[in-house]
Amino acid sequence: MALTREQMAQRVARELKDGYYVNLGIGIPTLVANYVPADMDVMLQSENGLLGMGEFPTEAQLDADMINAGKQTVTARTGASIFNSAESFAMIRGGHVDLTVLGAFEVDVQGNIASWMIPGKLVKGMGGAMDLVAGADNIIVTMTHASKDGESKLLPRCSLPLTGAGCIRKVLTDLAYLEIENGAFILRETAPGVTVEEIIEKTAGKLIVADDVKEMTF
């Protein structure tokens, strides 16, 4: 079965390391905040000017003035700092983020990412995505493997306007974890119960199945 949004966030959380500064994009990436290991010191950044984002608030904790870049209410952990967005983007552009987690519409075998607009549809805005893919070396894209119509989102070449070129190396979909190397997607892990054959069928770009493919456990 395909991974739930929460399972995708849990899998991404396994990429965290002690001492990391991490930017979480809008959508599924924001859920990673709920799965940071208790014994790990990680500082989560939101590009609207919060460093030290905590878990989503309970009703008792809710503060309408404390929001992330997606306008969701969040909490601040001990040691958090709040600053203006210019300083936040200076942190991103200066390469001071250790891991970036982003959503996307499409990713291709060259590591290109399209994540900000679909022509003819409402454009919510660029956000910090272009700065993040330009300023970060370690990026994980989270997305569904295929559209609601069954069309693959892992492509030979992106068809939508690019957010960044040649910048993506890791992709987590609801079906699999893949890495991008030498013009191909490398299948590393499958979601529980999802077959390699299904992933092959739903991947339009060149796909190489690693010899040691694992099934994710939760």
N, C-alpha and C. Protein backbone atom coordinates (compact mmCIF):
# COMPACT_ATOMS: atom_id res chain seq x y z
N MET A 1 0.84 -1.20 0.00
CA MET A 1 0.00 0.00 0.00
C MET A 1 0.87 1.25 0.00
N ALA A 2 0.33 2.31 -0.59
CA ALA A 2 1.07 3.57 -0.62
C ALA A 2 1.25 4.13 0.78
N LEU A 3 2.33 4.87 0.98
CA LEU A 3 2.58 5.50 2.27
C LEU A 3 1.56 6.60 2.52
N THR A 4 1.17 6.76 3.77
CA THR A 4 0.36 7.92 4.16
C THR A 4 1.27 9.13 4.26
N ARG A 5 0.67 10.29 4.39
CA ARG A 5 1.46 11.52 4.57
C ARG A 5 2.33 11.42 5.83
N GLU A 6 1.75 10.84 6.89
CA GLU A 6 2.48 10.71 8.15
C GLU A 6 3.66 9.74 8.01
N GLN A 7 3.47 8.66 7.28
CA GLN A 7 4.56 7.71 7.07
C GLN A 7 5.68 8.34 6.23
N MET A 8 5.30 9.15 5.26
CA MET A 8 6.31 9.85 4.47
C MET A 8 7.14 10.78 5.36
N ALA A 9 6.47 11.47 6.26
CA ALA A 9 7.18 12.36 7.19
C ALA A 9 8.10 11.55 8.11
N GLN A 10 7.64 10.40 8.56
CA GLN A 10 8.46 9.53 9.40
C GLN A 10 9.71 9.07 8.66
N ARG A 11 9.54 8.71 7.39
CA ARG A 11 10.70 8.24 6.62
C ARG A 11 11.71 9.37 6.41
N VAL A 12 11.23 10.57 6.13
CA VAL A 12 12.13 11.71 5.98
C VAL A 12 12.88 11.99 7.28
N ALA A 13 12.19 11.83 8.40
CA ALA A 13 12.81 12.10 9.70
C ALA A 13 14.03 11.21 9.95
N ARG A 14 14.10 10.07 9.28
CA ARG A 14 15.25 9.19 9.43
C ARG A 14 16.51 9.77 8.79
N GLU A 15 16.34 10.79 7.97
CA GLU A 15 17.49 11.45 7.33
C GLU A 15 18.08 12.55 8.22
N LEU A 16 17.42 12.85 9.32
CA LEU A 16 17.90 13.90 10.22
C LEU A 16 19.13 13.42 10.99
N LYS A 17 20.01 14.35 11.31
CA LYS A 17 21.17 14.05 12.12
C LYS A 17 21.32 15.09 13.21
N ASP A 18 21.90 14.67 14.31
CA ASP A 18 22.09 15.56 15.45
C ASP A 18 22.85 16.82 15.01
N GLY A 19 22.32 17.98 15.40
CA GLY A 19 22.97 19.24 15.08
C GLY A 19 22.55 19.86 13.76
N TYR A 20 21.68 19.18 13.01
CA TYR A 20 21.24 19.69 11.71
C TYR A 20 20.37 20.94 11.85
N TYR A 21 20.53 21.86 10.89
CA TYR A 21 19.58 22.94 10.67
C TYR A 21 18.77 22.54 9.44
N VAL A 22 17.44 22.49 9.57
CA VAL A 22 16.60 21.88 8.54
C VAL A 22 15.47 22.82 8.15
N ASN A 23 15.27 23.00 6.84
CA ASN A 23 14.14 23.77 6.36
C ASN A 23 13.06 22.82 5.85
N LEU A 24 11.84 23.01 6.32
CA LEU A 24 10.71 22.18 5.92
C LEU A 24 9.78 22.99 5.03
N GLY A 25 9.56 22.51 3.81
CA GLY A 25 8.67 23.19 2.89
C GLY A 25 7.20 22.99 3.25
N ILE A 26 6.33 23.60 2.47
CA ILE A 26 4.89 23.56 2.71
C ILE A 26 4.34 22.19 2.31
N GLY A 27 3.34 21.71 3.05
CA GLY A 27 2.71 20.44 2.73
C GLY A 27 3.26 19.31 3.59
N ILE A 28 3.49 18.16 2.98
CA ILE A 28 3.98 16.98 3.70
C ILE A 28 5.25 17.28 4.50
N PRO A 29 6.20 18.06 3.95
CA PRO A 29 7.43 18.31 4.72
C PRO A 29 7.20 18.89 6.12
N THR A 30 6.16 19.71 6.29
CA THR A 30 5.94 20.31 7.61
C THR A 30 5.65 19.26 8.67
N LEU A 31 5.13 18.09 8.25
CA LEU A 31 4.79 17.04 9.21
C LEU A 31 6.03 16.41 9.85
N VAL A 32 7.19 16.60 9.22
CA VAL A 32 8.43 16.04 9.77
C VAL A 32 8.69 16.57 11.18
N ALA A 33 8.22 17.76 11.46
CA ALA A 33 8.41 18.36 12.79
C ALA A 33 7.85 17.48 13.90
N ASN A 34 6.86 16.66 13.58
CA ASN A 34 6.24 15.80 14.60
C ASN A 34 7.02 14.52 14.84
N TYR A 35 8.07 14.27 14.05
CA TYR A 35 8.76 12.97 14.13
C TYR A 35 10.26 13.11 14.39
N VAL A 36 10.69 14.26 14.85
CA VAL A 36 12.10 14.43 15.23
C VAL A 36 12.36 13.57 16.46
N PRO A 37 13.35 12.67 16.43
CA PRO A 37 13.63 11.83 17.60
C PRO A 37 13.87 12.65 18.86
N ALA A 38 13.34 12.18 19.98
CA ALA A 38 13.42 12.93 21.24
C ALA A 38 14.85 13.17 21.69
N ASP A 39 15.76 12.27 21.33
CA ASP A 39 17.14 12.40 21.78
C ASP A 39 18.02 13.12 20.77
N MET A 40 17.41 13.77 19.77
CA MET A 40 18.17 14.42 18.72
C MET A 40 17.97 15.93 18.78
N ASP A 41 19.04 16.69 18.67
CA ASP A 41 18.97 18.15 18.69
C ASP A 41 18.98 18.67 17.26
N VAL A 42 17.81 19.03 16.75
CA VAL A 42 17.65 19.52 15.39
C VAL A 42 16.92 20.85 15.44
N MET A 43 17.41 21.83 14.69
CA MET A 43 16.75 23.13 14.62
C MET A 43 16.02 23.25 13.29
N LEU A 44 14.71 23.38 13.35
CA LEU A 44 13.89 23.49 12.15
C LEU A 44 13.68 24.96 11.80
N GLN A 45 13.90 25.28 10.54
CA GLN A 45 13.78 26.66 10.09
C GLN A 45 12.57 26.85 9.20
N SER A 46 11.87 27.95 9.40
CA SER A 46 10.80 28.36 8.48
C SER A 46 11.23 29.68 7.86
N GLU A 47 11.17 29.79 6.52
CA GLU A 47 11.79 30.95 5.89
C GLU A 47 11.10 32.27 6.16
N ASN A 48 9.94 32.25 6.83
CA ASN A 48 9.34 33.52 7.21
C ASN A 48 10.00 34.12 8.45
N GLY A 49 10.99 33.40 9.04
CA GLY A 49 11.78 34.02 10.11
C GLY A 49 11.73 33.33 11.46
N LEU A 50 11.56 32.01 11.47
CA LEU A 50 11.56 31.27 12.72
C LEU A 50 12.60 30.16 12.63
N LEU A 51 13.52 30.14 13.58
CA LEU A 51 14.49 29.06 13.70
C LEU A 51 14.27 28.39 15.05
N GLY A 52 13.97 27.10 15.02
CA GLY A 52 13.64 26.40 16.26
C GLY A 52 12.16 26.07 16.33
N MET A 53 11.59 25.71 15.18
CA MET A 53 10.18 25.34 15.11
C MET A 53 9.96 24.01 15.79
N GLY A 54 8.89 23.92 16.57
CA GLY A 54 8.56 22.69 17.27
C GLY A 54 7.42 21.94 16.61
N GLU A 55 6.80 21.04 17.35
CA GLU A 55 5.66 20.28 16.84
C GLU A 55 4.46 21.19 16.63
N PHE A 56 3.47 20.69 15.88
CA PHE A 56 2.23 21.44 15.73
C PHE A 56 1.57 21.58 17.10
N PRO A 57 0.91 22.70 17.36
CA PRO A 57 0.38 22.96 18.70
C PRO A 57 -0.89 22.18 19.02
N THR A 58 -1.08 21.89 20.29
CA THR A 58 -2.37 21.43 20.77
C THR A 58 -3.27 22.66 20.89
N GLU A 59 -4.52 22.45 21.17
CA GLU A 59 -5.43 23.59 21.29
C GLU A 59 -4.99 24.52 22.41
N ALA A 60 -4.44 23.95 23.47
CA ALA A 60 -3.97 24.77 24.61
C ALA A 60 -2.73 25.57 24.25
N GLN A 61 -1.92 25.07 23.33
CA GLN A 61 -0.66 25.74 22.95
C GLN A 61 -0.85 26.75 21.82
N LEU A 62 -1.97 26.71 21.15
CA LEU A 62 -2.15 27.46 19.92
C LEU A 62 -1.98 28.96 20.12
N ASP A 63 -1.14 29.56 19.29
CA ASP A 63 -0.91 31.00 19.25
C ASP A 63 -1.03 31.44 17.80
N ALA A 64 -2.07 32.19 17.49
CA ALA A 64 -2.35 32.56 16.10
C ALA A 64 -1.24 33.40 15.47
N ASP A 65 -0.40 34.01 16.29
CA ASP A 65 0.70 34.83 15.75
C ASP A 65 1.94 34.01 15.42
N MET A 66 1.98 32.75 15.84
CA MET A 66 3.15 31.90 15.60
C MET A 66 2.85 30.98 14.44
N ILE A 67 3.32 31.35 13.25
CA ILE A 67 3.00 30.58 12.04
C ILE A 67 4.27 30.23 11.26
N ASN A 68 4.15 29.19 10.42
CA ASN A 68 5.25 28.83 9.54
C ASN A 68 5.03 29.48 8.17
N ALA A 69 5.88 29.14 7.20
CA ALA A 69 5.78 29.76 5.88
C ALA A 69 4.49 29.42 5.16
N GLY A 70 3.86 28.32 5.56
CA GLY A 70 2.59 27.92 4.96
C GLY A 70 1.38 28.45 5.70
N LYS A 71 1.62 29.38 6.64
CA LYS A 71 0.57 30.03 7.44
C LYS A 71 -0.12 29.06 8.40
N GLN A 72 0.54 27.95 8.71
CA GLN A 72 0.02 27.03 9.72
C GLN A 72 0.54 27.46 11.09
N THR A 73 -0.28 27.29 12.11
CA THR A 73 0.18 27.62 13.46
C THR A 73 1.17 26.56 13.92
N VAL A 74 2.24 27.00 14.55
CA VAL A 74 3.30 26.10 15.01
C VAL A 74 3.71 26.48 16.42
N THR A 75 4.61 25.70 16.99
CA THR A 75 5.19 26.02 18.29
C THR A 75 6.66 26.35 18.10
N ALA A 76 7.25 26.95 19.12
CA ALA A 76 8.68 27.23 19.11
C ALA A 76 9.33 26.44 20.25
N ARG A 77 10.41 25.75 19.96
CA ARG A 77 11.10 24.96 20.97
C ARG A 77 12.02 25.85 21.80
N THR A 78 12.52 25.30 22.88
CA THR A 78 13.48 26.02 23.71
C THR A 78 14.71 26.37 22.88
N GLY A 79 15.12 27.62 22.94
CA GLY A 79 16.27 28.07 22.17
C GLY A 79 15.92 28.65 20.82
N ALA A 80 14.64 28.73 20.50
CA ALA A 80 14.21 29.27 19.21
C ALA A 80 14.51 30.76 19.10
N SER A 81 14.64 31.23 17.88
CA SER A 81 14.81 32.67 17.64
C SER A 81 13.90 33.10 16.49
N ILE A 82 13.48 34.34 16.56
CA ILE A 82 12.58 34.91 15.56
C ILE A 82 13.27 36.14 14.96
N PHE A 83 13.28 36.22 13.62
CA PHE A 83 13.97 37.32 12.96
C PHE A 83 13.24 37.62 11.65
N ASN A 84 13.68 38.68 10.95
CA ASN A 84 12.94 39.04 9.74
C ASN A 84 13.31 38.12 8.57
N SER A 85 12.49 38.17 7.54
CA SER A 85 12.66 37.22 6.44
C SER A 85 13.95 37.46 5.66
N ALA A 86 14.45 38.70 5.65
CA ALA A 86 15.71 38.97 4.96
C ALA A 86 16.84 38.18 5.60
N GLU A 87 16.88 38.14 6.92
CA GLU A 87 17.91 37.36 7.62
C GLU A 87 17.70 35.86 7.39
N SER A 88 16.44 35.45 7.33
CA SER A 88 16.14 34.05 7.09
C SER A 88 16.64 33.61 5.72
N PHE A 89 16.43 34.45 4.72
CA PHE A 89 16.89 34.11 3.37
C PHE A 89 18.41 34.22 3.26
N ALA A 90 19.02 35.08 4.04
CA ALA A 90 20.48 35.14 4.06
C ALA A 90 21.05 33.83 4.59
N MET A 91 20.37 33.25 5.56
CA MET A 91 20.78 31.95 6.11
C MET A 91 20.69 30.88 5.01
N ILE A 92 19.60 30.91 4.24
CA ILE A 92 19.40 29.93 3.17
C ILE A 92 20.42 30.14 2.05
N ARG A 93 20.56 31.38 1.59
CA ARG A 93 21.44 31.67 0.47
C ARG A 93 22.91 31.49 0.83
N GLY A 94 23.21 31.60 2.11
CA GLY A 94 24.58 31.44 2.56
C GLY A 94 25.00 30.00 2.75
N GLY A 95 24.08 29.06 2.48
CA GLY A 95 24.42 27.64 2.59
C GLY A 95 24.47 27.12 4.01
N HIS A 96 23.70 27.73 4.91
CA HIS A 96 23.73 27.35 6.31
C HIS A 96 22.63 26.37 6.71
N VAL A 97 21.91 25.84 5.72
CA VAL A 97 20.87 24.83 5.99
C VAL A 97 21.43 23.46 5.61
N ASP A 98 21.40 22.52 6.55
CA ASP A 98 22.00 21.20 6.34
C ASP A 98 21.10 20.25 5.55
N LEU A 99 19.79 20.44 5.65
CA LEU A 99 18.84 19.59 4.94
C LEU A 99 17.60 20.40 4.59
N THR A 100 17.15 20.27 3.36
CA THR A 100 15.93 20.92 2.91
C THR A 100 14.95 19.84 2.45
N VAL A 101 13.70 19.96 2.88
CA VAL A 101 12.65 19.01 2.49
C VAL A 101 11.58 19.79 1.73
N LEU A 102 11.35 19.43 0.47
CA LEU A 102 10.44 20.17 -0.38
C LEU A 102 9.41 19.26 -1.04
N GLY A 103 8.27 19.81 -1.33
CA GLY A 103 7.30 19.12 -2.17
C GLY A 103 7.58 19.48 -3.62
N ALA A 104 6.96 18.76 -4.56
CA ALA A 104 7.17 19.04 -5.98
C ALA A 104 6.01 18.53 -6.81
N PHE A 105 5.86 19.09 -8.02
CA PHE A 105 4.92 18.57 -9.02
C PHE A 105 5.61 17.51 -9.88
N GLU A 106 6.88 17.78 -10.21
CA GLU A 106 7.64 16.87 -11.08
C GLU A 106 9.12 16.89 -10.70
N VAL A 107 9.77 15.76 -10.91
CA VAL A 107 11.23 15.66 -10.83
C VAL A 107 11.68 14.81 -12.01
N ASP A 108 12.86 15.12 -12.58
CA ASP A 108 13.31 14.30 -13.70
C ASP A 108 14.68 13.68 -13.46
N VAL A 109 15.12 12.88 -14.42
CA VAL A 109 16.33 12.08 -14.25
C VAL A 109 17.61 12.91 -14.19
N GLN A 110 17.52 14.19 -14.57
CA GLN A 110 18.67 15.08 -14.48
C GLN A 110 18.72 15.84 -13.15
N GLY A 111 17.78 15.51 -12.26
CA GLY A 111 17.74 16.21 -10.98
C GLY A 111 17.07 17.56 -11.03
N ASN A 112 16.31 17.82 -12.10
CA ASN A 112 15.54 19.06 -12.20
C ASN A 112 14.25 18.92 -11.39
N ILE A 113 13.78 20.04 -10.86
CA ILE A 113 12.56 20.04 -10.07
C ILE A 113 11.61 21.14 -10.54
N ALA A 114 10.34 20.79 -10.66
CA ALA A 114 9.27 21.76 -10.97
C ALA A 114 8.30 21.72 -9.80
N SER A 115 8.20 22.84 -9.09
CA SER A 115 7.41 22.80 -7.85
C SER A 115 6.56 24.03 -7.59
N TRP A 116 6.59 25.00 -8.49
CA TRP A 116 5.96 26.25 -8.08
C TRP A 116 4.75 26.69 -8.88
N MET A 117 4.57 26.18 -10.11
CA MET A 117 3.38 26.61 -10.84
C MET A 117 2.98 25.59 -11.90
N ILE A 118 1.66 25.56 -12.16
CA ILE A 118 1.10 24.82 -13.29
C ILE A 118 0.41 25.85 -14.17
N PRO A 119 0.91 26.09 -15.38
CA PRO A 119 0.31 27.12 -16.24
C PRO A 119 -1.21 26.95 -16.37
N GLY A 120 -1.92 28.06 -16.22
CA GLY A 120 -3.37 28.04 -16.34
C GLY A 120 -4.09 27.81 -15.02
N LYS A 121 -3.32 27.48 -13.97
CA LYS A 121 -3.92 27.28 -12.66
C LYS A 121 -3.45 28.35 -11.69
N LEU A 122 -4.15 28.47 -10.57
CA LEU A 122 -3.81 29.48 -9.57
C LEU A 122 -2.38 29.27 -9.08
N VAL A 123 -1.61 30.35 -9.11
CA VAL A 123 -0.23 30.30 -8.63
C VAL A 123 -0.19 30.94 -7.24
N LYS A 124 0.15 30.15 -6.24
CA LYS A 124 0.17 30.67 -4.86
C LYS A 124 1.40 31.53 -4.60
N GLY A 125 2.45 31.35 -5.39
CA GLY A 125 3.66 32.13 -5.20
C GLY A 125 4.88 31.22 -5.18
N MET A 126 6.02 31.83 -5.40
CA MET A 126 7.27 31.09 -5.45
C MET A 126 7.71 30.61 -4.07
N GLY A 127 7.43 31.42 -3.04
CA GLY A 127 7.93 31.07 -1.71
C GLY A 127 9.45 31.10 -1.72
N GLY A 128 10.05 30.25 -0.91
CA GLY A 128 11.51 30.23 -0.84
C GLY A 128 12.14 29.11 -1.64
N ALA A 129 11.35 28.43 -2.47
CA ALA A 129 11.83 27.21 -3.12
C ALA A 129 13.06 27.44 -3.99
N MET A 130 13.07 28.49 -4.80
CA MET A 130 14.21 28.72 -5.69
C MET A 130 15.48 28.98 -4.89
N ASP A 131 15.35 29.74 -3.82
CA ASP A 131 16.51 30.01 -2.97
C ASP A 131 16.98 28.73 -2.29
N LEU A 132 16.04 27.92 -1.85
CA LEU A 132 16.39 26.69 -1.14
C LEU A 132 17.12 25.69 -2.04
N VAL A 133 16.65 25.51 -3.27
CA VAL A 133 17.32 24.54 -4.13
C VAL A 133 18.67 25.06 -4.62
N ALA A 134 18.83 26.39 -4.64
CA ALA A 134 20.11 26.97 -5.06
C ALA A 134 21.12 26.99 -3.91
N GLY A 135 20.61 27.12 -2.68
CA GLY A 135 21.50 27.31 -1.54
C GLY A 135 21.80 26.05 -0.74
N ALA A 136 21.08 24.96 -1.02
CA ALA A 136 21.25 23.73 -0.23
C ALA A 136 21.84 22.62 -1.09
N ASP A 137 22.73 21.83 -0.51
CA ASP A 137 23.30 20.68 -1.21
C ASP A 137 22.54 19.40 -0.92
N ASN A 138 21.89 19.35 0.25
CA ASN A 138 21.20 18.14 0.70
C ASN A 138 19.70 18.38 0.69
N ILE A 139 19.03 17.89 -0.34
CA ILE A 139 17.60 18.15 -0.54
C ILE A 139 16.86 16.83 -0.70
N ILE A 140 15.73 16.71 -0.02
CA ILE A 140 14.83 15.56 -0.23
C ILE A 140 13.50 16.09 -0.75
N VAL A 141 13.05 15.55 -1.86
CA VAL A 141 11.75 15.91 -2.41
C VAL A 141 10.72 14.87 -1.97
N THR A 142 9.58 15.33 -1.47
CA THR A 142 8.48 14.44 -1.11
C THR A 142 7.31 14.74 -2.04
N MET A 143 6.73 13.68 -2.61
CA MET A 143 5.66 13.86 -3.58
C MET A 143 4.95 12.53 -3.80
N THR A 144 3.78 12.58 -4.42
CA THR A 144 3.14 11.34 -4.85
C THR A 144 3.85 10.86 -6.12
N HIS A 145 3.91 9.57 -6.30
CA HIS A 145 4.64 9.00 -7.43
C HIS A 145 3.95 9.31 -8.76
N ALA A 146 2.63 9.39 -8.70
CA ALA A 146 1.84 9.66 -9.90
C ALA A 146 0.72 10.63 -9.57
N SER A 147 0.20 11.27 -10.59
CA SER A 147 -0.92 12.20 -10.41
C SER A 147 -2.21 11.43 -10.15
N LYS A 148 -3.26 12.16 -9.87
CA LYS A 148 -4.56 11.53 -9.65
C LYS A 148 -5.05 10.80 -10.90
N ASP A 149 -4.55 11.23 -12.06
CA ASP A 149 -4.90 10.58 -13.32
C ASP A 149 -3.99 9.40 -13.65
N GLY A 150 -3.06 9.11 -12.74
CA GLY A 150 -2.16 7.99 -12.96
C GLY A 150 -0.91 8.32 -13.75
N GLU A 151 -0.71 9.62 -14.07
CA GLU A 151 0.47 10.02 -14.85
C GLU A 151 1.69 10.13 -13.92
N SER A 152 2.79 9.56 -14.35
CA SER A 152 4.01 9.59 -13.56
C SER A 152 4.50 11.01 -13.33
N LYS A 153 5.04 11.27 -12.14
CA LYS A 153 5.67 12.55 -11.83
C LYS A 153 7.19 12.45 -11.84
N LEU A 154 7.70 11.25 -12.08
CA LEU A 154 9.14 11.01 -12.17
C LEU A 154 9.46 10.82 -13.64
N LEU A 155 10.03 11.84 -14.26
CA LEU A 155 10.01 11.96 -15.71
C LEU A 155 11.39 11.94 -16.36
N PRO A 156 11.42 11.69 -17.68
CA PRO A 156 12.67 11.87 -18.42
C PRO A 156 13.09 13.34 -18.43
N ARG A 157 12.10 14.22 -18.50
CA ARG A 157 12.36 15.66 -18.47
C ARG A 157 11.11 16.36 -17.95
N CYS A 158 11.29 17.30 -17.04
CA CYS A 158 10.15 18.04 -16.48
C CYS A 158 9.43 18.80 -17.59
N SER A 159 8.10 18.83 -17.52
CA SER A 159 7.32 19.55 -18.51
C SER A 159 6.85 20.91 -17.99
N LEU A 160 6.90 21.11 -16.68
CA LEU A 160 6.46 22.36 -16.06
C LEU A 160 7.64 23.30 -15.85
N PRO A 161 7.37 24.59 -15.63
CA PRO A 161 8.46 25.55 -15.38
C PRO A 161 9.32 25.10 -14.20
N LEU A 162 10.64 25.14 -14.39
CA LEU A 162 11.56 24.63 -13.37
C LEU A 162 11.70 25.58 -12.18
N THR A 163 11.86 24.97 -11.02
CA THR A 163 12.25 25.70 -9.82
C THR A 163 13.77 25.72 -9.71
N GLY A 164 14.39 24.61 -10.08
CA GLY A 164 15.83 24.50 -10.05
C GLY A 164 16.30 23.42 -11.00
N ALA A 165 17.55 23.53 -11.47
CA ALA A 165 18.09 22.57 -12.43
C ALA A 165 19.26 21.80 -11.82
N GLY A 166 19.22 20.48 -11.99
CA GLY A 166 20.33 19.63 -11.56
C GLY A 166 20.63 19.67 -10.09
N CYS A 167 19.60 19.86 -9.26
CA CYS A 167 19.84 20.07 -7.83
C CYS A 167 19.28 18.95 -6.95
N ILE A 168 18.50 18.04 -7.49
CA ILE A 168 17.84 17.01 -6.69
C ILE A 168 18.56 15.67 -6.81
N ARG A 169 18.80 15.04 -5.67
CA ARG A 169 19.45 13.73 -5.64
C ARG A 169 18.62 12.68 -4.89
N LYS A 170 17.63 13.11 -4.11
CA LYS A 170 16.85 12.18 -3.30
C LYS A 170 15.36 12.49 -3.47
N VAL A 171 14.58 11.44 -3.70
CA VAL A 171 13.12 11.60 -3.87
C VAL A 171 12.41 10.54 -3.04
N LEU A 172 11.49 10.98 -2.20
CA LEU A 172 10.62 10.06 -1.47
C LEU A 172 9.21 10.24 -1.99
N THR A 173 8.65 9.19 -2.57
CA THR A 173 7.26 9.24 -3.00
C THR A 173 6.41 8.38 -2.07
N ASP A 174 5.12 8.31 -2.36
CA ASP A 174 4.25 7.47 -1.55
C ASP A 174 4.46 5.99 -1.85
N LEU A 175 5.30 5.69 -2.86
CA LEU A 175 5.57 4.29 -3.23
C LEU A 175 7.01 3.86 -2.97
N ALA A 176 7.95 4.83 -2.94
CA ALA A 176 9.35 4.43 -2.93
C ALA A 176 10.28 5.56 -2.49
N TYR A 177 11.49 5.16 -2.12
CA TYR A 177 12.59 6.10 -1.93
C TYR A 177 13.59 5.85 -3.06
N LEU A 178 13.95 6.92 -3.78
CA LEU A 178 14.84 6.79 -4.92
C LEU A 178 15.94 7.85 -4.84
N GLU A 179 17.06 7.54 -5.46
CA GLU A 179 18.13 8.52 -5.61
C GLU A 179 18.37 8.74 -7.10
N ILE A 180 18.89 9.91 -7.44
CA ILE A 180 19.14 10.25 -8.84
C ILE A 180 20.64 10.25 -9.08
N GLU A 181 21.07 9.41 -10.01
CA GLU A 181 22.49 9.31 -10.34
C GLU A 181 22.66 9.08 -11.84
N ASN A 182 23.54 9.83 -12.46
CA ASN A 182 23.93 9.59 -13.86
C ASN A 182 22.73 9.45 -14.80
N GLY A 183 21.78 10.36 -14.65
CA GLY A 183 20.65 10.39 -15.57
C GLY A 183 19.62 9.30 -15.38
N ALA A 184 19.49 8.81 -14.15
CA ALA A 184 18.51 7.75 -13.88
C ALA A 184 18.05 7.81 -12.44
N PHE A 185 16.83 7.32 -12.21
CA PHE A 185 16.34 7.11 -10.85
C PHE A 185 16.83 5.75 -10.38
N ILE A 186 17.39 5.70 -9.18
CA ILE A 186 17.85 4.44 -8.60
C ILE A 186 16.88 4.05 -7.49
N LEU A 187 16.20 2.95 -7.64
CA LEU A 187 15.25 2.50 -6.63
C LEU A 187 15.99 1.89 -5.46
N ARG A 188 15.84 2.49 -4.27
CA ARG A 188 16.53 2.02 -3.07
C ARG A 188 15.60 1.32 -2.08
N GLU A 189 14.36 1.85 -1.93
CA GLU A 189 13.43 1.30 -0.96
C GLU A 189 12.02 1.32 -1.54
N THR A 190 11.22 0.33 -1.18
CA THR A 190 9.81 0.31 -1.56
C THR A 190 8.94 0.51 -0.33
N ALA A 191 7.77 1.08 -0.53
CA ALA A 191 6.80 1.19 0.55
C ALA A 191 6.30 -0.21 0.89
N PRO A 192 5.87 -0.43 2.14
CA PRO A 192 5.39 -1.76 2.52
C PRO A 192 4.27 -2.26 1.60
N GLY A 193 4.45 -3.44 1.05
CA GLY A 193 3.42 -4.04 0.20
C GLY A 193 3.43 -3.58 -1.24
N VAL A 194 4.29 -2.61 -1.58
CA VAL A 194 4.36 -2.12 -2.96
C VAL A 194 5.43 -2.91 -3.71
N THR A 195 5.08 -3.41 -4.88
CA THR A 195 6.01 -4.24 -5.64
C THR A 195 6.94 -3.39 -6.51
N VAL A 196 8.08 -3.96 -6.81
CA VAL A 196 9.01 -3.30 -7.72
C VAL A 196 8.36 -3.10 -9.08
N GLU A 197 7.56 -4.05 -9.51
CA GLU A 197 6.88 -3.97 -10.80
C GLU A 197 5.95 -2.76 -10.87
N GLU A 198 5.24 -2.49 -9.78
CA GLU A 198 4.34 -1.32 -9.77
C GLU A 198 5.13 -0.03 -9.89
N ILE A 199 6.27 0.03 -9.22
CA ILE A 199 7.11 1.24 -9.28
C ILE A 199 7.67 1.43 -10.68
N ILE A 200 8.10 0.34 -11.30
CA ILE A 200 8.60 0.41 -12.68
C ILE A 200 7.50 0.95 -13.61
N GLU A 201 6.29 0.43 -13.43
CA GLU A 201 5.15 0.83 -14.28
C GLU A 201 4.83 2.31 -14.13
N LYS A 202 5.02 2.86 -12.92
CA LYS A 202 4.60 4.24 -12.66
C LYS A 202 5.76 5.24 -12.71
N THR A 203 6.91 4.80 -13.18
CA THR A 203 8.07 5.69 -13.31
C THR A 203 8.36 5.89 -14.80
N ALA A 204 8.14 7.12 -15.29
CA ALA A 204 8.32 7.40 -16.72
C ALA A 204 9.79 7.59 -17.08
N GLY A 205 10.58 8.15 -16.15
CA GLY A 205 12.00 8.35 -16.41
C GLY A 205 12.76 7.04 -16.26
N LYS A 206 14.00 7.03 -16.78
CA LYS A 206 14.84 5.84 -16.69
C LYS A 206 14.98 5.40 -15.23
N LEU A 207 14.73 4.13 -14.97
CA LEU A 207 14.76 3.60 -13.61
C LEU A 207 15.71 2.40 -13.54
N ILE A 208 16.59 2.44 -12.56
CA ILE A 208 17.47 1.31 -12.28
C ILE A 208 17.10 0.75 -10.92
N VAL A 209 16.86 -0.54 -10.87
CA VAL A 209 16.51 -1.20 -9.60
C VAL A 209 17.80 -1.67 -8.93
N ALA A 210 18.09 -1.11 -7.76
CA ALA A 210 19.30 -1.49 -7.04
C ALA A 210 19.26 -2.97 -6.65
N ASP A 211 20.44 -3.57 -6.51
CA ASP A 211 20.51 -4.99 -6.15
C ASP A 211 20.01 -5.26 -4.74
N ASP A 212 20.09 -4.23 -3.88
CA ASP A 212 19.74 -4.43 -2.47
C ASP A 212 18.52 -3.62 -2.05
N VAL A 213 17.50 -3.58 -2.91
CA VAL A 213 16.26 -2.84 -2.59
C VAL A 213 15.66 -3.37 -1.29
N LYS A 214 15.29 -2.44 -0.40
CA LYS A 214 14.70 -2.82 0.88
C LYS A 214 13.24 -2.39 0.94
N GLU A 215 12.47 -3.05 1.78
CA GLU A 215 11.11 -2.61 2.06
C GLU A 215 11.13 -1.79 3.34
N MET A 216 10.52 -0.61 3.29
CA MET A 216 10.49 0.25 4.47
C MET A 216 9.69 -0.40 5.59
N THR A 217 10.09 -0.16 6.82
CA THR A 217 9.35 -0.62 7.99
C THR A 217 9.02 0.58 8.87
N PHE A 218 7.91 0.48 9.57
CA PHE A 218 7.46 1.58 10.45
C PHE A 218 7.03 1.00 11.80
